[in-house]
C-alpha atoms as a PDB file:
ATOM      1  CA  MET A   1     -54.414  24.643  76.016  1.00  0.00           C
ATOM      2  CA  ARG A   2     -53.833  23.262  72.573  1.00  0.00           C
ATOM      3  CA  ARG A   3     -52.468  20.085  74.111  1.00  0.00           C
ATOM      4  CA  LYS A   4     -55.667  19.632  76.181  1.00  0.00           C
ATOM      5  CA  LYS A   5     -57.801  20.055  73.055  1.00  0.00           C
ATOM      6  CA  LYS A   6     -55.763  17.412  71.245  1.00  0.00           C
ATOM      7  CA  ILE A   7     -56.215  14.969  74.142  1.00  0.00           C
ATOM      8  CA  ILE A   8     -59.970  15.560  74.239  1.00  0.00           C
ATOM      9  CA  LEU A   9     -60.182  15.093  70.450  1.00  0.00           C
ATOM     10  CA  VAL A  10     -58.275  11.786  70.609  1.00  0.00           C
ATOM     11  CA  ILE A  11     -60.567  10.496  73.395  1.00  0.00           C
ATOM     12  CA  ILE A  12     -63.714  11.432  71.473  1.00  0.00           C
ATOM     13  CA  THR A  13     -62.348   9.824  68.281  1.00  0.00           C
ATOM     14  CA  GLY A  14     -61.558   6.625  70.182  1.00  0.00           C
ATOM     15  CA  ILE A  15     -65.057   6.423  71.617  1.00  0.00           C
ATOM     16  CA  VAL A  16     -66.586   6.870  68.164  1.00  0.00           C
ATOM     17  CA  VAL A  17     -64.371   4.124  66.678  1.00  0.00           C
ATOM     18  CA  VAL A  18     -65.221   1.680  69.497  1.00  0.00           C
ATOM     19  CA  PHE A  19     -68.958   2.110  69.041  1.00  0.00           C
ATOM     20  CA  ALA A  20     -68.858   2.214  65.279  1.00  0.00           C
ATOM     21  CA  PHE A  21     -66.502  -0.777  64.853  1.00  0.00           C
ATOM     22  CA  PRO A  22     -66.762  -2.933  67.992  1.00  0.00           C
ATOM     23  CA  GLY A  23     -65.383  -6.001  66.215  1.00  0.00           C
ATOM     24  CA  LEU A  24     -62.004  -4.302  65.766  1.00  0.00           C
ATOM     25  CA  PHE A  25     -61.354  -4.524  69.520  1.00  0.00           C
ATOM     26  CA  GLY A  26     -62.811  -8.011  70.161  1.00  0.00           C
ATOM     27  CA  THR A  27     -65.668  -6.442  72.097  1.00  0.00           C
ATOM     28  CA  ARG A  28     -68.166  -8.864  73.654  1.00  0.00           C
ATOM     29  CA  GLY A  29     -71.686  -8.421  74.948  1.00  0.00           C
ATOM     30  CA  LYS A  30     -74.338  -6.232  73.411  1.00  0.00           C
ATOM     31  CA  SER A  31     -72.347  -5.197  70.359  1.00  0.00           C
ATOM     32  CA  THR A  32     -71.770  -8.843  69.369  1.00  0.00           C
ATOM     33  CA  SER A  33     -75.465  -9.647  69.824  1.00  0.00           C
ATOM     34  CA  PHE A  34     -76.383  -6.839  67.446  1.00  0.00           C
ATOM     35  CA  VAL A  35     -74.075  -8.337  64.825  1.00  0.00           C
ATOM     36  CA  ALA A  36     -75.528 -11.821  65.425  1.00  0.00           C
ATOM     37  CA  VAL A  37     -79.111 -10.607  65.039  1.00  0.00           C
ATOM     38  CA  ASP A  38     -78.227  -8.741  61.857  1.00  0.00           C
ATOM     39  CA  THR A  39     -76.502 -11.860  60.493  1.00  0.00           C
ATOM     40  CA  LEU A  40     -79.493 -14.018  61.405  1.00  0.00           C
ATOM     41  CA  GLN A  41     -81.869 -11.613  59.672  1.00  0.00           C
ATOM     42  CA  HIS A  42     -79.602 -11.644  56.620  1.00  0.00           C
ATOM     43  CA  GLN A  43     -79.649 -15.453  56.588  1.00  0.00           C
ATOM     44  CA  LYS A  44     -83.437 -15.474  56.814  1.00  0.00           C
ATOM     45  CA  LYS A  45     -83.615 -13.129  53.850  1.00  0.00           C
ATOM     46  CA  GLN A  46     -81.523 -15.592  51.861  1.00  0.00           C
ATOM     47  CA  VAL A  47     -83.919 -18.487  52.608  1.00  0.00           C
ATOM     48  CA  LEU A  48     -86.945 -17.179  50.744  1.00  0.00           C
ATOM     49  CA  THR A  49     -87.299 -19.811  48.050  1.00  0.00           C
ATOM     50  CA  HIS A  50     -87.256 -23.562  47.639  1.00  0.00           C
ATOM     51  CA  PRO A  51     -87.003 -25.543  44.365  1.00  0.00           C
ATOM     52  CA  LEU A  52     -90.275 -27.318  45.164  1.00  0.00           C
ATOM     53  CA  GLN A  53     -92.264 -24.082  45.074  1.00  0.00           C
ATOM     54  CA  ILE A  54     -94.534 -23.914  42.054  1.00  0.00           C
ATOM     55  CA  VAL A  55     -93.264 -20.490  40.982  1.00  0.00           C
ATOM     56  CA  GLU A  56     -89.670 -21.758  41.139  1.00  0.00           C
ATOM     57  CA  MET A  57     -90.483 -24.896  39.163  1.00  0.00           C
ATOM     58  CA  ARG A  58     -92.071 -22.734  36.469  1.00  0.00           C
ATOM     59  CA  LYS A  59     -88.805 -20.813  36.085  1.00  0.00           C
ATOM     60  CA  ARG A  60     -86.902 -23.958  35.172  1.00  0.00           C
ATOM     61  CA  ILE A  61     -86.444 -25.356  31.680  1.00  0.00           C
ATOM     62  CA  TYR A  62     -87.213 -29.025  31.031  1.00  0.00           C
ATOM     63  CA  PRO A  63     -85.532 -29.662  27.676  1.00  0.00           C
ATOM     64  CA  GLY A  64     -85.494 -33.449  27.720  1.00  0.00           C
ATOM     65  CA  SER A  65     -83.518 -35.041  24.883  1.00  0.00           C
ATOM     66  CA  GLU A  66     -83.883 -37.343  21.938  1.00  0.00           C
ATOM     67  CA  VAL A  67     -85.302 -40.737  22.894  1.00  0.00           C
ATOM     68  CA  THR A  68     -82.760 -43.555  22.532  1.00  0.00           C
ATOM     69  CA  ILE A  69     -83.981 -47.102  21.929  1.00  0.00           C
ATOM     70  CA  GLU A  70     -82.074 -49.446  24.232  1.00  0.00           C
ATOM     71  CA  LYS A  71     -83.975 -52.662  23.542  1.00  0.00           C
ATOM     72  CA  GLU A  72     -87.003 -53.880  21.598  1.00  0.00           C
ATOM     73  CA  PHE A  73     -89.399 -56.225  23.374  1.00  0.00           C
ATOM     74  CA  THR A  74     -91.577 -58.883  21.811  1.00  0.00           C
ATOM     75  CA  PRO A  75     -94.408 -56.911  20.192  1.00  0.00           C
ATOM     76  CA  GLY A  76     -98.052 -57.331  21.096  1.00  0.00           C
ATOM     77  CA  SER A  77    -100.790 -57.850  18.547  1.00  0.00           C
ATOM     78  CA  THR A  78    -101.655 -54.144  18.504  1.00  0.00           C
ATOM     79  CA  TYR A  79     -98.448 -52.420  19.598  1.00  0.00           C
ATOM     80  CA  THR A  80     -94.652 -52.440  19.601  1.00  0.00           C
ATOM     81  CA  GLN A  81     -92.738 -51.902  22.812  1.00  0.00           C
ATOM     82  CA  TYR A  82     -89.260 -50.657  23.668  1.00  0.00           C
ATOM     83  CA  LEU A  83     -86.945 -49.975  26.560  1.00  0.00           C
ATOM     84  CA  VAL A  84     -85.747 -46.438  25.900  1.00  0.00           C
ATOM     85  CA  SER A  85     -83.743 -43.739  27.631  1.00  0.00           C
ATOM     86  CA  TYR A  86     -83.684 -39.942  27.755  1.00  0.00           C
ATOM     87  CA  LEU A  87     -81.996 -37.236  29.803  1.00  0.00           C
ATOM     88  CA  SER A  88     -83.337 -35.406  32.853  1.00  0.00           C
ATOM     89  CA  ASP A  89     -81.107 -32.982  34.771  1.00  0.00           C
ATOM     90  CA  GLY A  90     -78.137 -34.695  33.118  1.00  0.00           C
ATOM     91  CA  LEU A  91     -79.240 -38.131  34.357  1.00  0.00           C
ATOM     92  CA  LYS A  92     -79.947 -41.095  32.102  1.00  0.00           C
ATOM     93  CA  ILE A  93     -83.556 -42.061  32.779  1.00  0.00           C
ATOM     94  CA  TYR A  94     -85.086 -45.240  31.393  1.00  0.00           C
ATOM     95  CA  ALA A  95     -88.690 -45.631  30.278  1.00  0.00           C
ATOM     96  CA  LEU A  96     -91.112 -48.070  28.708  1.00  0.00           C
ATOM     97  CA  LEU A  97     -92.274 -46.833  25.304  1.00  0.00           C
ATOM     98  CA  THR A  98     -95.354 -48.444  23.754  1.00  0.00           C
ATOM     99  CA  ILE A  99     -96.410 -47.432  20.225  1.00  0.00           C
ATOM    100  CA  PRO A 100     -99.663 -48.543  18.582  1.00  0.00           C
ATOM    101  CA  LYS A 101     -99.419 -50.496  15.346  1.00  0.00           C
ATOM    102  CA  GLY A 102    -101.188 -49.336  12.213  1.00  0.00           C
ATOM    103  CA  GLU A 103    -101.302 -46.166  10.204  1.00  0.00           C
ATOM    104  CA  ILE A 104    -100.090 -43.076  12.005  1.00  0.00           C
ATOM    105  CA  PRO A 105    -102.915 -40.509  12.160  1.00  0.00           C
ATOM    106  CA  SER A 106    -102.465 -37.052  10.689  1.00  0.00           C
ATOM    107  CA  GLY A 107    -100.274 -35.122  13.118  1.00  0.00           C
ATOM    108  CA  GLY A 108     -99.185 -38.282  14.932  1.00  0.00           C
ATOM    109  CA  PHE A 109    -100.530 -40.473  17.730  1.00  0.00           C
ATOM    110  CA  PRO A 110    -101.660 -38.732  20.913  1.00  0.00           C
ATOM    111  CA  VAL A 111     -99.311 -39.424  23.828  1.00  0.00           C
ATOM    112  CA  LEU A 112     -99.879 -40.416  27.447  1.00  0.00           C
ATOM    113  CA  ILE A 113     -97.122 -39.895  29.997  1.00  0.00           C
ATOM    114  CA  PHE A 114     -97.757 -42.703  32.476  1.00  0.00           C
ATOM    115  CA  ASN A 115     -96.775 -41.864  36.074  1.00  0.00           C
ATOM    116  CA  HIS A 116     -96.618 -44.968  38.246  1.00  0.00           C
ATOM    117  CA  GLY A 117     -97.270 -45.034  41.977  1.00  0.00           C
ATOM    118  CA  TYR A 118     -94.816 -45.721  44.774  1.00  0.00           C
ATOM    119  CA  ILE A 119     -92.810 -48.914  44.400  1.00  0.00           C
ATOM    120  CA  PRO A 120     -89.625 -49.458  46.450  1.00  0.00           C
ATOM    121  CA  PRO A 121     -87.002 -48.197  43.981  1.00  0.00           C
ATOM    122  CA  GLU A 122     -84.776 -51.273  44.166  1.00  0.00           C
ATOM    123  CA  GLU A 123     -87.797 -53.524  43.518  1.00  0.00           C
ATOM    124  CA  TYR A 124     -89.016 -51.503  40.545  1.00  0.00           C
ATOM    125  CA  ARG A 125     -88.828 -53.179  37.117  1.00  0.00           C
ATOM    126  CA  THR A 126     -89.646 -51.335  33.890  1.00  0.00           C
ATOM    127  CA  THR A 127     -91.836 -54.067  32.430  1.00  0.00           C
ATOM    128  CA  GLU A 128     -93.546 -55.210  35.625  1.00  0.00           C
ATOM    129  CA  ARG A 129     -96.872 -53.945  37.029  1.00  0.00           C
ATOM    130  CA  TYR A 130     -99.346 -51.712  35.208  1.00  0.00           C
ATOM    131  CA  VAL A 131     -99.184 -54.055  32.212  1.00  0.00           C
ATOM    132  CA  ALA A 132    -102.960 -54.137  31.663  1.00  0.00           C
ATOM    133  CA  TYR A 133    -103.206 -50.339  31.958  1.00  0.00           C
ATOM    134  CA  VAL A 134    -100.503 -49.706  29.364  1.00  0.00           C
ATOM    135  CA  GLN A 135    -101.944 -52.271  26.958  1.00  0.00           C
ATOM    136  CA  ALA A 136    -105.445 -50.803  27.233  1.00  0.00           C
ATOM    137  CA  PHE A 137    -104.271 -47.309  26.299  1.00  0.00           C
ATOM    138  CA  ALA A 138    -102.019 -48.562  23.492  1.00  0.00           C
ATOM    139  CA  ARG A 139    -104.892 -50.604  22.000  1.00  0.00           C
ATOM    140  CA  SER A 140    -106.944 -47.405  22.030  1.00  0.00           C
ATOM    141  CA  GLY A 141    -104.424 -45.601  19.824  1.00  0.00           C
ATOM    142  CA  TYR A 142    -102.137 -43.878  22.332  1.00  0.00           C
ATOM    143  CA  ILE A 143     -98.380 -43.826  22.573  1.00  0.00           C
ATOM    144  CA  VAL A 144     -97.680 -44.634  26.234  1.00  0.00           C
ATOM    145  CA  PHE A 145     -94.437 -43.410  27.794  1.00  0.00           C
ATOM    146  CA  LYS A 146     -93.829 -44.713  31.331  1.00  0.00           C
ATOM    147  CA  PRO A 147     -90.742 -43.119  32.943  1.00  0.00           C
ATOM    148  CA  ASP A 148     -88.633 -44.959  35.501  1.00  0.00           C
ATOM    149  CA  TYR A 149     -88.060 -42.062  37.898  1.00  0.00           C
ATOM    150  CA  ARG A 150     -84.461 -41.390  38.919  1.00  0.00           C
ATOM    151  CA  GLY A 151     -83.091 -44.027  41.284  1.00  0.00           C
ATOM    152  CA  HIS A 152     -85.668 -46.569  40.067  1.00  0.00           C
ATOM    153  CA  GLY A 153     -84.494 -49.715  38.333  1.00  0.00           C
ATOM    154  CA  ASP A 154     -81.491 -48.769  36.214  1.00  0.00           C
ATOM    155  CA  SER A 155     -82.215 -45.022  36.045  1.00  0.00           C
ATOM    156  CA  GLU A 156     -79.374 -42.866  37.291  1.00  0.00           C
ATOM    157  CA  GLY A 157     -79.648 -40.604  40.325  1.00  0.00           C
ATOM    158  CA  ASN A 158     -81.076 -40.931  43.814  1.00  0.00           C
ATOM    159  CA  PRO A 159     -84.708 -41.786  44.619  1.00  0.00           C
ATOM    160  CA  GLU A 160     -85.685 -38.458  46.188  1.00  0.00           C
ATOM    161  CA  GLY A 161     -89.444 -38.963  46.477  1.00  0.00           C
ATOM    162  CA  ALA A 162     -92.277 -36.854  45.065  1.00  0.00           C
ATOM    163  CA  TYR A 163     -93.674 -34.894  48.002  1.00  0.00           C
ATOM    164  CA  PHE A 164     -90.635 -33.033  49.353  1.00  0.00           C
ATOM    165  CA  SER A 165     -88.477 -32.872  46.225  1.00  0.00           C
ATOM    166  CA  PRO A 166     -89.185 -31.679  42.662  1.00  0.00           C
ATOM    167  CA  ALA A 167     -86.975 -34.451  41.211  1.00  0.00           C
ATOM    168  CA  TYR A 168     -89.609 -36.913  39.943  1.00  0.00           C
ATOM    169  CA  THR A 169     -91.715 -34.140  38.447  1.00  0.00           C
ATOM    170  CA  ALA A 170     -88.613 -32.869  36.646  1.00  0.00           C
ATOM    171  CA  ASP A 171     -88.116 -36.385  35.218  1.00  0.00           C
ATOM    172  CA  VAL A 172     -91.709 -36.394  34.006  1.00  0.00           C
ATOM    173  CA  LEU A 173     -91.591 -32.919  32.461  1.00  0.00           C
ATOM    174  CA  ASN A 174     -88.347 -33.825  30.700  1.00  0.00           C
ATOM    175  CA  ALA A 175     -90.178 -36.906  29.421  1.00  0.00           C
ATOM    176  CA  VAL A 176     -92.854 -34.605  27.958  1.00  0.00           C
ATOM    177  CA  SER A 177     -90.200 -32.707  26.006  1.00  0.00           C
ATOM    178  CA  SER A 178     -88.506 -35.928  24.943  1.00  0.00           C
ATOM    179  CA  VAL A 179     -91.597 -37.617  23.474  1.00  0.00           C
ATOM    180  CA  LYS A 180     -92.138 -34.586  21.272  1.00  0.00           C
ATOM    181  CA  THR A 181     -89.081 -35.720  19.299  1.00  0.00           C
ATOM    182  CA  LEU A 182     -90.713 -39.036  18.329  1.00  0.00           C
ATOM    183  CA  LYS A 183     -91.788 -39.041  14.682  1.00  0.00           C
ATOM    184  CA  GLU A 184     -94.899 -41.062  15.583  1.00  0.00           C
ATOM    185  CA  ALA A 185     -96.057 -38.617  18.270  1.00  0.00           C
ATOM    186  CA  ASN A 186     -98.348 -35.615  18.107  1.00  0.00           C
ATOM    187  CA  PRO A 187     -96.437 -32.989  20.162  1.00  0.00           C
ATOM    188  CA  ASP A 188     -99.598 -30.936  20.653  1.00  0.00           C
ATOM    189  CA  SER A 189    -101.670 -33.795  22.041  1.00  0.00           C
ATOM    190  CA  ILE A 190    -100.055 -34.950  25.283  1.00  0.00           C
ATOM    191  CA  GLY A 191    -101.958 -36.171  28.319  1.00  0.00           C
ATOM    192  CA  MET A 192    -100.964 -37.662  31.652  1.00  0.00           C
ATOM    193  CA  TRP A 193    -102.163 -40.636  33.662  1.00  0.00           C
ATOM    194  CA  GLY A 194    -101.077 -41.027  37.268  1.00  0.00           C
ATOM    195  CA  HIS A 195    -101.684 -43.483  40.085  1.00  0.00           C
ATOM    196  CA  SER A 196    -101.215 -42.752  43.799  1.00  0.00           C
ATOM    197  CA  MET A 197     -97.864 -40.915  44.089  1.00  0.00           C
ATOM    198  CA  GLY A 198     -98.001 -40.598  40.303  1.00  0.00           C
ATOM    199  CA  GLY A 199    -101.266 -38.703  40.731  1.00  0.00           C
ATOM    200  CA  ASN A 200     -99.462 -36.112  42.825  1.00  0.00           C
ATOM    201  CA  ILE A 201     -96.786 -35.832  40.134  1.00  0.00           C
ATOM    202  CA  THR A 202     -99.493 -35.468  37.469  1.00  0.00           C
ATOM    203  CA  LEU A 203    -101.259 -32.644  39.305  1.00  0.00           C
ATOM    204  CA  ARG A 204     -97.979 -30.852  39.996  1.00  0.00           C
ATOM    205  CA  SER A 205     -96.959 -31.204  36.334  1.00  0.00           C
ATOM    206  CA  MET A 206    -100.277 -29.748  35.185  1.00  0.00           C
ATOM    207  CA  VAL A 207     -99.860 -26.560  37.229  1.00  0.00           C
ATOM    208  CA  VAL A 208     -96.206 -26.137  36.204  1.00  0.00           C
ATOM    209  CA  SER A 209     -96.465 -26.846  32.456  1.00  0.00           C
ATOM    210  CA  LYS A 210     -99.074 -25.919  29.871  1.00  0.00           C
ATOM    211  CA  ASP A 211     -98.064 -28.849  27.633  1.00  0.00           C
ATOM    212  CA  ILE A 212    -100.350 -31.391  29.339  1.00  0.00           C
ATOM    213  CA  LYS A 213    -103.788 -31.103  27.760  1.00  0.00           C
ATOM    214  CA  ALA A 214    -105.680 -33.535  30.021  1.00  0.00           C
ATOM    215  CA  GLY A 215    -105.002 -35.654  33.103  1.00  0.00           C
ATOM    216  CA  VAL A 216    -106.480 -38.793  34.652  1.00  0.00           C
ATOM    217  CA  ILE A 217    -105.630 -39.690  38.253  1.00  0.00           C
ATOM    218  CA  TRP A 218    -106.413 -42.949  40.061  1.00  0.00           C
ATOM    219  CA  GLY A 219    -106.180 -43.092  43.867  1.00  0.00           C
ATOM    220  CA  GLY A 220    -104.087 -39.932  43.828  1.00  0.00           C
ATOM    221  CA  VAL A 221    -102.235 -38.252  46.680  1.00  0.00           C
ATOM    222  CA  VAL A 222    -103.793 -34.967  45.628  1.00  0.00           C
ATOM    223  CA  GLY A 223    -104.626 -33.292  48.933  1.00  0.00           C
ATOM    224  CA  SER A 224    -102.954 -30.190  50.331  1.00  0.00           C
ATOM    225  CA  TYR A 225     -99.840 -30.541  52.488  1.00  0.00           C
ATOM    226  CA  GLU A 226    -102.031 -30.025  55.527  1.00  0.00           C
ATOM    227  CA  ASP A 227    -104.016 -33.081  54.379  1.00  0.00           C
ATOM    228  CA  ILE A 228    -100.903 -35.089  53.570  1.00  0.00           C
ATOM    229  CA  MET A 229     -99.241 -34.389  56.923  1.00  0.00           C
ATOM    230  CA  ASN A 230    -102.286 -34.494  59.205  1.00  0.00           C
ATOM    231  CA  ARG A 231    -105.027 -36.518  57.511  1.00  0.00           C
ATOM    232  CA  TRP A 232    -103.265 -39.241  55.530  1.00  0.00           C
ATOM    233  CA  ARG A 233    -104.142 -42.585  57.041  1.00  0.00           C
ATOM    234  CA  ARG A 234    -102.650 -45.864  55.790  1.00  0.00           C
ATOM    235  CA  SER A 235    -103.360 -49.430  56.769  1.00  0.00           C
ATOM    236  CA  VAL A 236     -99.618 -50.177  56.626  1.00  0.00           C
ATOM    237  CA  PRO A 237     -97.231 -47.377  57.703  1.00  0.00           C
ATOM    238  CA  TRP A 238     -94.706 -46.383  55.046  1.00  0.00           C
ATOM    239  CA  ARG A 239     -91.043 -47.090  55.645  1.00  0.00           C
ATOM    240  CA  PRO A 240     -88.219 -45.982  53.336  1.00  0.00           C
ATOM    241  CA  SER A 241     -86.578 -48.786  51.398  1.00  0.00           C
ATOM    242  CA  THR A 242     -82.915 -49.782  51.627  1.00  0.00           C
ATOM    243  CA  ARG A 243     -81.948 -47.720  48.576  1.00  0.00           C
ATOM    244  CA  GLU A 244     -83.851 -44.715  49.906  1.00  0.00           C
ATOM    245  CA  ASN A 245     -82.137 -45.015  53.301  1.00  0.00           C
ATOM    246  CA  MET A 246     -78.729 -45.125  51.644  1.00  0.00           C
ATOM    247  CA  ALA A 247     -79.423 -42.074  49.461  1.00  0.00           C
ATOM    248  CA  TYR A 248     -80.382 -38.567  50.486  1.00  0.00           C
ATOM    249  CA  ARG A 249     -84.158 -38.377  50.401  1.00  0.00           C
ATOM    250  CA  PRO A 250     -85.610 -34.982  51.385  1.00  0.00           C
ATOM    251  CA  SER A 251     -88.212 -35.290  54.136  1.00  0.00           C
ATOM    252  CA  ARG A 252     -90.941 -33.235  55.738  1.00  0.00           C
ATOM    253  CA  ASN A 253     -88.660 -32.711  58.744  1.00  0.00           C
ATOM    254  CA  ASP A 254     -86.092 -31.029  56.507  1.00  0.00           C
ATOM    255  CA  LEU A 255     -88.679 -28.506  55.363  1.00  0.00           C
ATOM    256  CA  ILE A 256     -90.135 -28.047  58.837  1.00  0.00           C
ATOM    257  CA  GLU A 257     -86.685 -27.272  60.260  1.00  0.00           C
ATOM    258  CA  GLN A 258     -86.067 -24.728  57.516  1.00  0.00           C
ATOM    259  CA  PHE A 259     -89.489 -23.110  57.129  1.00  0.00           C
ATOM    260  CA  GLY A 260     -91.600 -24.169  60.115  1.00  0.00           C
ATOM    261  CA  ASP A 261     -94.675 -26.397  60.120  1.00  0.00           C
ATOM    262  CA  PHE A 262     -97.991 -25.704  58.408  1.00  0.00           C
ATOM    263  CA  GLU A 263     -99.455 -23.933  61.431  1.00  0.00           C
ATOM    264  CA  SER A 264     -96.527 -21.532  61.843  1.00  0.00           C
ATOM    265  CA  ASN A 265     -95.869 -20.905  58.129  1.00  0.00           C
ATOM    266  CA  PRO A 266     -98.914 -21.840  56.018  1.00  0.00           C
ATOM    267  CA  ASP A 267     -97.864 -19.536  53.172  1.00  0.00           C
ATOM    268  CA  PHE A 268     -94.753 -21.597  52.473  1.00  0.00           C
ATOM    269  CA  TRP A 269     -96.599 -24.936  52.482  1.00  0.00           C
ATOM    270  CA  LYS A 270     -99.238 -23.509  50.180  1.00  0.00           C
ATOM    271  CA  SER A 271     -96.508 -22.249  47.859  1.00  0.00           C
ATOM    272  CA  ILE A 272     -95.243 -25.810  47.258  1.00  0.00           C
ATOM    273  CA  SER A 273     -98.690 -27.381  46.936  1.00  0.00           C
ATOM    274  CA  PRO A 274    -100.292 -27.844  43.483  1.00  0.00           C
ATOM    275  CA  PHE A 275    -103.627 -27.961  45.330  1.00  0.00           C
ATOM    276  CA  TYR A 276    -103.430 -24.176  45.806  1.00  0.00           C
ATOM    277  CA  PHE A 277    -102.584 -23.546  42.142  1.00  0.00           C
ATOM    278  CA  THR A 278    -105.533 -25.364  40.590  1.00  0.00           C
ATOM    279  CA  SER A 279    -106.724 -22.136  38.966  1.00  0.00           C
ATOM    280  CA  ASP A 280    -103.733 -22.614  36.639  1.00  0.00           C
ATOM    281  CA  VAL A 281    -104.237 -26.291  35.828  1.00  0.00           C
ATOM    282  CA  SER A 282    -103.433 -26.892  32.154  1.00  0.00           C
ATOM    283  CA  GLY A 283    -106.445 -29.003  31.188  1.00  0.00           C
ATOM    284  CA  PRO A 284    -109.467 -31.078  32.263  1.00  0.00           C
ATOM    285  CA  ILE A 285    -108.945 -33.687  34.977  1.00  0.00           C
ATOM    286  CA  GLN A 286    -110.727 -36.973  35.656  1.00  0.00           C
ATOM    287  CA  LEU A 287    -110.437 -38.581  39.099  1.00  0.00           C
ATOM    288  CA  HIS A 288    -111.033 -42.209  40.137  1.00  0.00           C
ATOM    289  CA  HIS A 289    -110.966 -43.495  43.702  1.00  0.00           C
ATOM    290  CA  GLY A 290    -111.970 -46.687  45.485  1.00  0.00           C
ATOM    291  CA  LEU A 291    -114.075 -46.103  48.585  1.00  0.00           C
ATOM    292  CA  SER A 292    -112.190 -48.939  50.310  1.00  0.00           C
ATOM    293  CA  ASP A 293    -108.770 -47.580  49.392  1.00  0.00           C
ATOM    294  CA  GLU A 294    -106.440 -48.699  52.164  1.00  0.00           C
ATOM    295  CA  SER A 295    -103.519 -46.512  51.096  1.00  0.00           C
ATOM    296  CA  VAL A 296    -104.864 -43.062  50.164  1.00  0.00           C
ATOM    297  CA  PRO A 297    -108.104 -41.531  51.526  1.00  0.00           C
ATOM    298  CA  TRP A 298    -110.750 -41.142  48.847  1.00  0.00           C
ATOM    299  CA  GLU A 299    -111.580 -37.777  50.405  1.00  0.00           C
ATOM    300  CA  PHE A 300    -108.384 -36.405  48.814  1.00  0.00           C
ATOM    301  CA  SER A 301    -109.983 -36.792  45.378  1.00  0.00           C
ATOM    302  CA  GLU A 302    -113.280 -35.324  46.514  1.00  0.00           C
ATOM    303  CA  THR A 303    -111.542 -32.287  48.005  1.00  0.00           C
ATOM    304  CA  LEU A 304    -109.579 -31.733  44.797  1.00  0.00           C
ATOM    305  CA  LYS A 305    -112.752 -32.028  42.713  1.00  0.00           C
ATOM    306  CA  ASN A 306    -114.423 -29.331  44.822  1.00  0.00           C
ATOM    307  CA  ARG A 307    -111.362 -27.101  44.560  1.00  0.00           C
ATOM    308  CA  LEU A 308    -111.221 -27.455  40.763  1.00  0.00           C
ATOM    309  CA  GLU A 309    -114.932 -26.713  40.440  1.00  0.00           C
ATOM    310  CA  GLN A 310    -114.545 -23.592  42.588  1.00  0.00           C
ATOM    311  CA  ASN A 311    -111.906 -22.437  40.110  1.00  0.00           C
ATOM    312  CA  GLY A 312    -114.179 -23.095  37.126  1.00  0.00           C
ATOM    313  CA  LYS A 313    -112.183 -26.075  35.847  1.00  0.00           C
ATOM    314  CA  THR A 314    -113.508 -29.149  34.034  1.00  0.00           C
ATOM    315  CA  VAL A 315    -113.338 -32.138  36.364  1.00  0.00           C
ATOM    316  CA  GLU A 316    -115.003 -35.528  36.810  1.00  0.00           C
ATOM    317  CA  LEU A 317    -114.885 -37.775  39.872  1.00  0.00           C
ATOM    318  CA  PHE A 318    -115.820 -41.460  39.909  1.00  0.00           C
ATOM    319  CA  THR A 319    -115.848 -43.415  43.159  1.00  0.00           C
ATOM    320  CA  TYR A 320    -116.162 -47.190  43.381  1.00  0.00           C
ATOM    321  CA  GLU A 321    -117.922 -48.952  46.232  1.00  0.00           C
ATOM    322  CA  GLY A 322    -115.691 -51.609  47.783  1.00  0.00           C
ATOM    323  CA  ALA A 323    -112.789 -50.861  45.422  1.00  0.00           C
ATOM    324  CA  ASP A 324    -109.207 -50.855  46.696  1.00  0.00           C
ATOM    325  CA  HIS A 325    -106.247 -48.599  45.947  1.00  0.00           C
ATOM    326  CA  ASN A 326    -105.769 -50.108  42.476  1.00  0.00           C
ATOM    327  CA  VAL A 327    -109.494 -49.982  41.601  1.00  0.00           C
ATOM    328  CA  SER A 328    -109.257 -53.711  40.932  1.00  0.00           C
ATOM    329  CA  SER A 329    -111.822 -55.910  39.168  1.00  0.00           C
ATOM    330  CA  PRO A 330    -114.718 -55.784  38.688  1.00  0.00           C
ATOM    331  CA  HIS A 331    -114.304 -51.984  38.705  1.00  0.00           C
ATOM    332  CA  PHE A 332    -111.036 -51.916  36.745  1.00  0.00           C
ATOM    333  CA  GLU A 333    -112.584 -52.426  33.308  1.00  0.00           C
ATOM    334  CA  VAL A 334    -115.158 -49.673  33.864  1.00  0.00           C
ATOM    335  CA  ALA A 335    -112.505 -47.241  35.141  1.00  0.00           C
ATOM    336  CA  VAL A 336    -110.260 -47.931  32.134  1.00  0.00           C
ATOM    337  CA  LYS A 337    -113.117 -47.365  29.672  1.00  0.00           C
ATOM    338  CA  ARG A 338    -113.952 -44.067  31.371  1.00  0.00           C
ATOM    339  CA  SER A 339    -110.291 -43.041  31.260  1.00  0.00           C
ATOM    340  CA  VAL A 340    -109.954 -43.861  27.560  1.00  0.00           C
ATOM    341  CA  ALA A 341    -113.178 -42.017  26.724  1.00  0.00           C
ATOM    342  CA  PHE A 342    -111.980 -38.969  28.653  1.00  0.00           C
ATOM    343  CA  PHE A 343    -108.668 -38.851  26.812  1.00  0.00           C
ATOM    344  CA  ASP A 344    -110.480 -39.429  23.508  1.00  0.00           C
ATOM    345  CA  THR A 345    -112.582 -36.353  24.199  1.00  0.00           C
ATOM    346  CA  TYR A 346    -109.696 -34.028  24.988  1.00  0.00           C
ATOM    347  CA  LEU A 347    -106.735 -35.431  23.052  1.00  0.00           C
ATOM    348  CA  LYS A 348    -108.190 -36.796  19.819  1.00  0.00           C
END
């Protein structure tokens, strides 16, 4: 009798072990599927954040570094100009530093971080393009600091883009910290100017950091990700450059594969979009857009203006009949004067 009880007890124990620990016996079928589902759910729980999300970018520190003068250029009549470098995420980033001549005002010169638009990284040159813009601001009494984003010109790192990577914004925010070390600069009076892609970087910077007191954006890619992915029309389709093809450049497909598209996961796409964080923008914004812009729809600026106004923010929008993506002459001079006056109001 006792022997029968022992046999029954062994059988029951074996059954319990098999069901409780199916992997011990190489069991296939339903038990394995349960483990797979549990693993999949665990993996999904691990993929809750992305470094491009605004809340994640706010958690980071952007310490910058001292600004190192690499070369002095021939000075202009109203400014001196230097090729300089600073650190961003451990990378050596180059920049064009322009300092007004004359007596330094009490507290230092106000500063403009100048965010250029898309230029194929291997074609980018620190001293080329945007010359008239930089000179106009420097003549008006502003230190102008134009970063060469990582992978551009001689800057270290890979050109990761601005829309699906936080890299360029990190370079810009590290530039903000770096210019504060300049003895000529007023660390409490920093603004940002951005064109096209640089406009997107400017808006993102202004919802991540409180250090930027005012922003001016020309022809900016400032729509939501739904706008960028579904409503961005260009006369000439964009193609990645040779350097971008050779390096890892995060793409929309990477994010779609990981998080789903806008329709299936709108919360994620909103979480990476500065457009949906405009209630936190760090200062007044002025927008300029040509109505014949062939690269970025002028409606992006209008939509952002409406969004800022809904959130009670100070914003101005100027549109220019017949003007192109660069707001070229005869509109250029008017747009520059408006930009200078805006910065004068909020930075001086």
